[in-house]
């Protein structure tokens, strides 16, 4: 792959990254069930979604998200890579790997419009994190589908959000629930971890 293709700058021929999800172009006669449409601020990048409800929806307070979005936290909805169809603006995408500070297409990476620089999504190795503020949510029911379900990296927050949602110190489901997380969620997590601890002890005793 030439560097211009790796960096998303090639506009002639079919670049390798355009041949696989999430960038794979669906033809008009393909069976892509459009549920939502979305676009960046300038409108050069447009895409569709075929899944009605995200796999998850979270608010992330990590320092990388704060810096990249110039905001106290990031609102992201998780989708499969096959749930998205870019209809315009493939050649207007740019990538950024915050780990290596590289603009080559290396996973995981952040994806933006190269013209207005609107954040489009975070592309992971298996999933994508879309930004619901770009999606045209026309009804209250649509908006409810994208409602955040928890906070992540709340220990790095720059402001308190007393909304009663579960608040994880790091990654959700694999860190500690802190601050004003619902008490029943805290007890549920404690029970789960105690069950896992007892299971490990039994396995160790049987060895």
C-alpha atoms as a PDB file:
ATOM      1  CA  UNK A   1       0.000   0.000   0.000  1.00  0.00           C
ATOM      2  CA  UNK A   2       1.409   3.405  -0.934  1.00  0.00           C
ATOM      3  CA  UNK A   3       1.636   6.095   1.745  1.00  0.00           C
ATOM      4  CA  UNK A   4      -1.062   8.242   0.134  1.00  0.00           C
ATOM      5  CA  UNK A   5      -3.500   5.333   0.426  1.00  0.00           C
ATOM      6  CA  UNK A   6      -2.415   4.513   3.974  1.00  0.00           C
ATOM      7  CA  UNK A   7      -3.072   8.124   4.968  1.00  0.00           C
ATOM      8  CA  UNK A   8      -6.369   8.334   3.103  1.00  0.00           C
ATOM      9  CA  UNK A   9      -5.038  10.816   0.521  1.00  0.00           C
ATOM     10  CA  UNK A  10      -5.360   8.648  -2.562  1.00  0.00           C
ATOM     11  CA  UNK A  11      -8.404   9.623  -4.638  1.00  0.00           C
ATOM     12  CA  UNK A  12      -7.736   7.476  -7.702  1.00  0.00           C
ATOM     13  CA  UNK A  13      -8.437   3.781  -8.011  1.00  0.00           C
ATOM     14  CA  UNK A  14      -9.742   1.746  -5.081  1.00  0.00           C
ATOM     15  CA  UNK A  15      -7.610   2.116  -1.969  1.00  0.00           C
ATOM     16  CA  UNK A  16      -7.247  -1.023   0.137  1.00  0.00           C
ATOM     17  CA  UNK A  17      -9.015   0.511   3.149  1.00  0.00           C
ATOM     18  CA  UNK A  18     -12.086   1.242   1.010  1.00  0.00           C
ATOM     19  CA  UNK A  19     -12.624  -2.456   0.377  1.00  0.00           C
ATOM     20  CA  UNK A  20     -13.475  -3.478   3.951  1.00  0.00           C
ATOM     21  CA  UNK A  21     -15.821  -2.318   6.729  1.00  0.00           C
ATOM     22  CA  UNK A  22     -16.387   0.269   8.023  1.00  0.00           C
ATOM     23  CA  UNK A  23     -15.377   2.035   4.780  1.00  0.00           C
ATOM     24  CA  UNK A  24     -16.739  -0.552   2.339  1.00  0.00           C
ATOM     25  CA  UNK A  25     -19.055   1.217  -0.092  1.00  0.00           C
ATOM     26  CA  UNK A  26     -22.469  -0.420  -0.401  1.00  0.00           C
ATOM     27  CA  UNK A  27     -24.011  -0.184  -3.838  1.00  0.00           C
ATOM     28  CA  UNK A  28     -27.534   1.233  -4.107  1.00  0.00           C
ATOM     29  CA  UNK A  29     -28.967  -2.193  -4.901  1.00  0.00           C
ATOM     30  CA  UNK A  30     -27.378  -3.758  -1.826  1.00  0.00           C
ATOM     31  CA  UNK A  31     -29.627  -4.842   1.023  1.00  0.00           C
ATOM     32  CA  UNK A  32     -28.503  -2.124   3.451  1.00  0.00           C
ATOM     33  CA  UNK A  33     -31.435  -1.296   5.738  1.00  0.00           C
ATOM     34  CA  UNK A  34     -31.023   2.420   6.455  1.00  0.00           C
ATOM     35  CA  UNK A  35     -32.216   3.430   9.931  1.00  0.00           C
ATOM     36  CA  UNK A  36     -30.345   6.731  10.341  1.00  0.00           C
ATOM     37  CA  UNK A  37     -28.397   9.247   8.304  1.00  0.00           C
ATOM     38  CA  UNK A  38     -25.544  11.440   9.545  1.00  0.00           C
ATOM     39  CA  UNK A  39     -22.960  13.941   8.353  1.00  0.00           C
ATOM     40  CA  UNK A  40     -20.073  16.092   9.535  1.00  0.00           C
ATOM     41  CA  UNK A  41     -20.444  19.856  10.052  1.00  0.00           C
ATOM     42  CA  UNK A  42     -19.554  20.834   6.471  1.00  0.00           C
ATOM     43  CA  UNK A  43     -21.491  17.946   4.932  1.00  0.00           C
ATOM     44  CA  UNK A  44     -18.628  16.530   2.885  1.00  0.00           C
ATOM     45  CA  UNK A  45     -18.672  13.267   4.881  1.00  0.00           C
ATOM     46  CA  UNK A  46     -22.036  11.501   4.970  1.00  0.00           C
ATOM     47  CA  UNK A  47     -22.980   8.066   6.223  1.00  0.00           C
ATOM     48  CA  UNK A  48     -25.917   5.788   7.045  1.00  0.00           C
ATOM     49  CA  UNK A  49     -26.554   3.347   9.887  1.00  0.00           C
ATOM     50  CA  UNK A  50     -28.477   0.087   9.605  1.00  0.00           C
ATOM     51  CA  UNK A  51     -28.752  -0.686  13.352  1.00  0.00           C
ATOM     52  CA  UNK A  52     -31.615   0.994  15.228  1.00  0.00           C
ATOM     53  CA  UNK A  53     -30.128   0.762  18.728  1.00  0.00           C
ATOM     54  CA  UNK A  54     -26.389   1.022  19.452  1.00  0.00           C
ATOM     55  CA  UNK A  55     -24.673  -1.924  21.082  1.00  0.00           C
ATOM     56  CA  UNK A  56     -23.850   0.499  23.887  1.00  0.00           C
ATOM     57  CA  UNK A  57     -23.722   4.226  24.548  1.00  0.00           C
ATOM     58  CA  UNK A  58     -21.210   5.764  26.956  1.00  0.00           C
ATOM     59  CA  UNK A  59     -19.732   9.023  28.198  1.00  0.00           C
ATOM     60  CA  UNK A  60     -15.928   8.891  28.366  1.00  0.00           C
ATOM     61  CA  UNK A  61     -13.982  11.262  30.632  1.00  0.00           C
ATOM     62  CA  UNK A  62     -10.433  10.104  29.790  1.00  0.00           C
ATOM     63  CA  UNK A  63      -7.853  12.836  29.228  1.00  0.00           C
ATOM     64  CA  UNK A  64      -7.337  11.778  25.593  1.00  0.00           C
ATOM     65  CA  UNK A  65     -11.014  12.333  24.809  1.00  0.00           C
ATOM     66  CA  UNK A  66     -10.977  15.626  26.676  1.00  0.00           C
ATOM     67  CA  UNK A  67      -8.030  16.855  24.593  1.00  0.00           C
ATOM     68  CA  UNK A  68      -9.142  15.437  21.242  1.00  0.00           C
ATOM     69  CA  UNK A  69     -12.676  16.818  21.550  1.00  0.00           C
ATOM     70  CA  UNK A  70     -11.785  20.000  23.478  1.00  0.00           C
ATOM     71  CA  UNK A  71     -14.651  19.069  25.791  1.00  0.00           C
ATOM     72  CA  UNK A  72     -15.063  17.707  29.341  1.00  0.00           C
ATOM     73  CA  UNK A  73     -16.118  14.296  28.009  1.00  0.00           C
ATOM     74  CA  UNK A  74     -16.976  12.372  24.849  1.00  0.00           C
ATOM     75  CA  UNK A  75     -20.383  10.829  24.017  1.00  0.00           C
ATOM     76  CA  UNK A  76     -19.917   7.689  21.946  1.00  0.00           C
ATOM     77  CA  UNK A  77     -22.257   4.966  20.680  1.00  0.00           C
ATOM     78  CA  UNK A  78     -20.813   1.560  19.798  1.00  0.00           C
ATOM     79  CA  UNK A  79     -21.651  -0.187  16.517  1.00  0.00           C
ATOM     80  CA  UNK A  80     -20.360  -3.078  14.434  1.00  0.00           C
ATOM     81  CA  UNK A  81     -18.209  -1.999  11.500  1.00  0.00           C
ATOM     82  CA  UNK A  82     -20.779  -3.524   9.148  1.00  0.00           C
ATOM     83  CA  UNK A  83     -23.531  -1.262  10.570  1.00  0.00           C
ATOM     84  CA  UNK A  84     -22.226   1.816   8.743  1.00  0.00           C
ATOM     85  CA  UNK A  85     -22.286   2.837   5.082  1.00  0.00           C
ATOM     86  CA  UNK A  86     -20.385   5.922   3.914  1.00  0.00           C
ATOM     87  CA  UNK A  87     -22.306   7.513   1.039  1.00  0.00           C
ATOM     88  CA  UNK A  88     -19.994  10.471   0.490  1.00  0.00           C
ATOM     89  CA  UNK A  89     -16.598  11.809   1.501  1.00  0.00           C
ATOM     90  CA  UNK A  90     -14.271   8.799   1.633  1.00  0.00           C
ATOM     91  CA  UNK A  91     -11.443  10.942   0.279  1.00  0.00           C
ATOM     92  CA  UNK A  92     -12.241  13.633   2.874  1.00  0.00           C
ATOM     93  CA  UNK A  93     -11.427  11.389   5.851  1.00  0.00           C
ATOM     94  CA  UNK A  94      -8.284  11.679   7.938  1.00  0.00           C
ATOM     95  CA  UNK A  95      -6.940   9.407  10.663  1.00  0.00           C
ATOM     96  CA  UNK A  96      -5.000   9.934  13.849  1.00  0.00           C
ATOM     97  CA  UNK A  97      -3.442   7.339  16.134  1.00  0.00           C
ATOM     98  CA  UNK A  98      -3.237   9.002  19.581  1.00  0.00           C
ATOM     99  CA  UNK A  99      -0.865   6.334  20.902  1.00  0.00           C
ATOM    100  CA  UNK A 100       1.896   6.801  18.316  1.00  0.00           C
ATOM    101  CA  UNK A 101       0.753  10.293  17.272  1.00  0.00           C
ATOM    102  CA  UNK A 102       0.638   9.021  13.705  1.00  0.00           C
ATOM    103  CA  UNK A 103      -1.667  10.031  10.843  1.00  0.00           C
ATOM    104  CA  UNK A 104      -1.406   6.664   9.105  1.00  0.00           C
ATOM    105  CA  UNK A 105      -4.380   4.319   9.243  1.00  0.00           C
ATOM    106  CA  UNK A 106      -3.374   2.166  12.222  1.00  0.00           C
ATOM    107  CA  UNK A 107      -5.882   0.682  14.653  1.00  0.00           C
ATOM    108  CA  UNK A 108      -7.190   1.882  16.974  1.00  0.00           C
ATOM    109  CA  UNK A 109      -7.460   5.381  15.580  1.00  0.00           C
ATOM    110  CA  UNK A 110      -9.626   8.470  15.464  1.00  0.00           C
ATOM    111  CA  UNK A 111     -11.387   9.447  12.231  1.00  0.00           C
ATOM    112  CA  UNK A 112     -12.227  13.026  11.240  1.00  0.00           C
ATOM    113  CA  UNK A 113     -13.379  15.056   8.267  1.00  0.00           C
ATOM    114  CA  UNK A 114     -10.220  16.550   6.752  1.00  0.00           C
ATOM    115  CA  UNK A 115     -12.104  19.720   5.733  1.00  0.00           C
ATOM    116  CA  UNK A 116     -14.106  20.834   8.803  1.00  0.00           C
ATOM    117  CA  UNK A 117     -12.286  18.450  11.201  1.00  0.00           C
ATOM    118  CA  UNK A 118     -15.505  17.183  12.778  1.00  0.00           C
ATOM    119  CA  UNK A 119     -14.841  13.963  14.708  1.00  0.00           C
ATOM    120  CA  UNK A 120     -16.557  11.153  12.801  1.00  0.00           C
ATOM    121  CA  UNK A 121     -15.751   8.093  14.912  1.00  0.00           C
ATOM    122  CA  UNK A 122     -13.129   6.125  16.794  1.00  0.00           C
ATOM    123  CA  UNK A 123     -12.243   3.010  14.799  1.00  0.00           C
ATOM    124  CA  UNK A 124     -11.220   0.080  16.969  1.00  0.00           C
ATOM    125  CA  UNK A 125      -9.950  -3.321  15.945  1.00  0.00           C
ATOM    126  CA  UNK A 126     -13.420  -4.877  16.090  1.00  0.00           C
ATOM    127  CA  UNK A 127     -15.936  -2.071  16.659  1.00  0.00           C
ATOM    128  CA  UNK A 128     -16.500   1.604  15.924  1.00  0.00           C
ATOM    129  CA  UNK A 129     -17.499   4.362  18.347  1.00  0.00           C
ATOM    130  CA  UNK A 130     -19.729   6.862  16.587  1.00  0.00           C
ATOM    131  CA  UNK A 131     -20.620  10.318  17.854  1.00  0.00           C
ATOM    132  CA  UNK A 132     -24.424  10.603  18.165  1.00  0.00           C
ATOM    133  CA  UNK A 133     -24.382  14.403  17.803  1.00  0.00           C
ATOM    134  CA  UNK A 134     -23.733  13.821  14.070  1.00  0.00           C
ATOM    135  CA  UNK A 135     -26.678  11.431  13.650  1.00  0.00           C
ATOM    136  CA  UNK A 136     -30.053  12.836  12.583  1.00  0.00           C
ATOM    137  CA  UNK A 137     -32.199  11.666  15.512  1.00  0.00           C
ATOM    138  CA  UNK A 138     -35.635  12.863  14.456  1.00  0.00           C
ATOM    139  CA  UNK A 139     -37.895  11.462  17.173  1.00  0.00           C
ATOM    140  CA  UNK A 140     -37.827  11.142  20.960  1.00  0.00           C
ATOM    141  CA  UNK A 141     -37.753   7.379  20.490  1.00  0.00           C
ATOM    142  CA  UNK A 142     -34.640   7.663  18.330  1.00  0.00           C
ATOM    143  CA  UNK A 143     -32.970   9.867  20.940  1.00  0.00           C
ATOM    144  CA  UNK A 144     -33.840   7.361  23.677  1.00  0.00           C
ATOM    145  CA  UNK A 145     -32.032   4.631  21.719  1.00  0.00           C
ATOM    146  CA  UNK A 146     -28.766   6.594  22.020  1.00  0.00           C
ATOM    147  CA  UNK A 147     -29.175   7.615  25.662  1.00  0.00           C
ATOM    148  CA  UNK A 148     -25.863   7.116  27.553  1.00  0.00           C
ATOM    149  CA  UNK A 149     -25.840   4.096  29.854  1.00  0.00           C
ATOM    150  CA  UNK A 150     -22.751   4.850  31.933  1.00  0.00           C
ATOM    151  CA  UNK A 151     -19.654   7.007  32.457  1.00  0.00           C
ATOM    152  CA  UNK A 152     -16.119   5.713  31.860  1.00  0.00           C
ATOM    153  CA  UNK A 153     -12.836   7.032  33.321  1.00  0.00           C
ATOM    154  CA  UNK A 154     -14.895   9.158  35.698  1.00  0.00           C
ATOM    155  CA  UNK A 155     -11.845   9.349  37.946  1.00  0.00           C
ATOM    156  CA  UNK A 156     -10.276  11.660  35.329  1.00  0.00           C
ATOM    157  CA  UNK A 157     -13.301  13.946  35.073  1.00  0.00           C
ATOM    158  CA  UNK A 158     -13.009  17.720  35.081  1.00  0.00           C
ATOM    159  CA  UNK A 159     -16.628  18.234  36.169  1.00  0.00           C
ATOM    160  CA  UNK A 160     -19.225  16.292  38.147  1.00  0.00           C
ATOM    161  CA  UNK A 161     -22.264  14.857  36.351  1.00  0.00           C
ATOM    162  CA  UNK A 162     -24.849  13.922  39.032  1.00  0.00           C
ATOM    163  CA  UNK A 163     -27.174  12.013  36.689  1.00  0.00           C
ATOM    164  CA  UNK A 164     -27.435   8.743  38.635  1.00  0.00           C
ATOM    165  CA  UNK A 165     -25.785   6.669  35.884  1.00  0.00           C
ATOM    166  CA  UNK A 166     -23.106   4.072  36.766  1.00  0.00           C
ATOM    167  CA  UNK A 167     -19.705   5.761  36.961  1.00  0.00           C
ATOM    168  CA  UNK A 168     -16.614   3.648  36.374  1.00  0.00           C
ATOM    169  CA  UNK A 169     -13.150   4.733  37.452  1.00  0.00           C
ATOM    170  CA  UNK A 170     -11.748   3.251  34.216  1.00  0.00           C
ATOM    171  CA  UNK A 171     -13.209   0.971  31.554  1.00  0.00           C
ATOM    172  CA  UNK A 172     -16.814  -0.040  32.139  1.00  0.00           C
ATOM    173  CA  UNK A 173     -17.378  -3.455  33.754  1.00  0.00           C
ATOM    174  CA  UNK A 174     -13.647  -3.875  34.482  1.00  0.00           C
ATOM    175  CA  UNK A 175     -12.911  -1.115  37.017  1.00  0.00           C
ATOM    176  CA  UNK A 176     -14.529   0.277  40.184  1.00  0.00           C
ATOM    177  CA  UNK A 177     -17.903   1.994  40.444  1.00  0.00           C
ATOM    178  CA  UNK A 178     -17.397   5.362  42.134  1.00  0.00           C
ATOM    179  CA  UNK A 179     -19.140   8.558  43.237  1.00  0.00           C
ATOM    180  CA  UNK A 180     -22.929   8.605  42.807  1.00  0.00           C
ATOM    181  CA  UNK A 181     -23.286   5.272  40.997  1.00  0.00           C
ATOM    182  CA  UNK A 182     -26.611   3.537  41.788  1.00  0.00           C
ATOM    183  CA  UNK A 183     -26.179   1.507  45.041  1.00  0.00           C
ATOM    184  CA  UNK A 184     -27.783  -1.583  43.490  1.00  0.00           C
ATOM    185  CA  UNK A 185     -25.195  -1.492  40.673  1.00  0.00           C
ATOM    186  CA  UNK A 186     -22.376  -1.326  43.225  1.00  0.00           C
ATOM    187  CA  UNK A 187     -23.810  -4.308  45.149  1.00  0.00           C
ATOM    188  CA  UNK A 188     -24.273  -6.242  41.906  1.00  0.00           C
ATOM    189  CA  UNK A 189     -20.638  -5.647  40.966  1.00  0.00           C
ATOM    190  CA  UNK A 190     -19.460  -6.695  44.424  1.00  0.00           C
ATOM    191  CA  UNK A 191     -21.481  -9.933  44.201  1.00  0.00           C
ATOM    192  CA  UNK A 192     -20.098 -10.665  40.747  1.00  0.00           C
ATOM    193  CA  UNK A 193     -16.509 -10.155  41.862  1.00  0.00           C
ATOM    194  CA  UNK A 194     -17.030 -12.272  44.989  1.00  0.00           C
ATOM    195  CA  UNK A 195     -18.477 -15.103  42.862  1.00  0.00           C
ATOM    196  CA  UNK A 196     -15.483 -14.881  40.528  1.00  0.00           C
ATOM    197  CA  UNK A 197     -13.101 -14.939  43.509  1.00  0.00           C
ATOM    198  CA  UNK A 198     -14.779 -18.025  44.977  1.00  0.00           C
ATOM    199  CA  UNK A 199     -14.678 -19.738  41.598  1.00  0.00           C
ATOM    200  CA  UNK A 200     -10.921 -19.087  41.285  1.00  0.00           C
ATOM    201  CA  UNK A 201     -10.311 -20.446  44.791  1.00  0.00           C
ATOM    202  CA  UNK A 202     -12.220 -23.649  44.006  1.00  0.00           C
ATOM    203  CA  UNK A 203     -10.258 -24.116  40.791  1.00  0.00           C
ATOM    204  CA  UNK A 204      -6.977 -23.581  42.646  1.00  0.00           C
ATOM    205  CA  UNK A 205      -7.956 -26.092  45.353  1.00  0.00           C
ATOM    206  CA  UNK A 206      -8.858 -28.702  42.726  1.00  0.00           C
ATOM    207  CA  UNK A 207      -5.495 -28.435  40.989  1.00  0.00           C
END
